[in-house]
Amino acid sequence: MGEDNQINQEFGNVSILFTSRNDEAYNLKCSATAYPDRGFAQAKSFDQFMELIME
């Protein structure tokens, strides 16, 4: 639980879809959807998510 008993959602719901063709990367799709509910703390930005996975 985070501030004011809100759940820390970090980046929200994260989805990563990777597609390859002939053993080569073809498509990479990343998305993050935050819960706007007052029971959840504000999510971190998508830019922060991308920085984290690109380390």
Protein backbone atom coordinates (compact mmCIF):
# COMPACT_ATOMS: atom_id res chain seq x y z
CA MET A 1 0.00 0.00 0.00
CA GLY A 2 1.19 3.49 -0.78
CA GLU A 3 0.24 6.94 0.35
CA ASP A 4 -3.28 7.26 1.86
CA ASN A 5 -3.66 3.44 1.72
CA GLN A 6 -3.58 3.51 -2.07
CA ILE A 7 -2.16 0.54 -3.94
CA ASN A 8 1.15 1.27 -5.67
CA GLN A 9 0.55 0.30 -9.29
CA GLU A 10 4.06 1.23 -10.55
CA PHE A 11 3.21 1.43 -14.28
CA GLY A 12 -0.31 -0.07 -14.25
CA ASN A 13 -1.17 -2.98 -16.53
CA VAL A 14 1.83 -3.65 -18.76
CA SER A 15 1.64 -5.56 -22.02
CA ILE A 16 4.60 -6.53 -24.21
CA LEU A 17 4.08 -8.22 -27.57
CA PHE A 18 7.09 -9.44 -29.56
CA THR A 19 6.79 -10.89 -33.05
CA SER A 20 9.54 -12.42 -35.14
CA ARG A 21 9.71 -13.61 -38.71
CA ASN A 22 12.39 -15.96 -40.02
CA ASP A 23 14.15 -15.77 -36.63
CA GLU A 24 14.45 -11.97 -36.85
CA ALA A 25 12.69 -9.33 -34.79
CA TYR A 26 9.72 -8.00 -36.73
CA ASN A 27 7.54 -6.10 -34.27
CA LEU A 28 7.71 -5.00 -30.64
CA LYS A 29 4.69 -3.39 -29.01
CA CYS A 30 4.71 -2.10 -25.44
CA SER A 31 1.78 -0.53 -23.65
CA ALA A 32 0.94 0.45 -20.10
CA THR A 33 -2.52 1.34 -18.86
CA ALA A 34 -2.90 2.90 -15.43
CA TYR A 35 -5.93 2.46 -13.22
CA PRO A 36 -7.63 5.86 -12.72
CA ASP A 37 -9.36 4.57 -9.57
CA ARG A 38 -8.80 6.47 -6.30
CA GLY A 39 -7.78 3.17 -4.70
CA PHE A 40 -4.54 3.25 -6.71
CA ALA A 41 -1.63 5.67 -6.44
CA GLN A 42 -0.75 7.57 -9.61
CA ALA A 43 1.26 5.42 -12.01
CA LYS A 44 4.76 6.26 -13.20
CA SER A 45 5.05 7.62 -16.73
CA PHE A 46 5.40 5.47 -19.84
CA ASP A 47 8.74 7.21 -20.48
CA GLN A 48 10.00 5.92 -17.13
CA PHE A 49 8.82 2.42 -18.07
CA MET A 50 10.70 2.55 -21.38
CA GLU A 51 13.86 3.82 -19.68
CA LEU A 52 13.68 0.92 -17.23
CA ILE A 53 13.30 -1.82 -19.84
CA MET A 54 15.96 -0.32 -22.13
CA GLU A 55 18.67 -0.42 -19.42
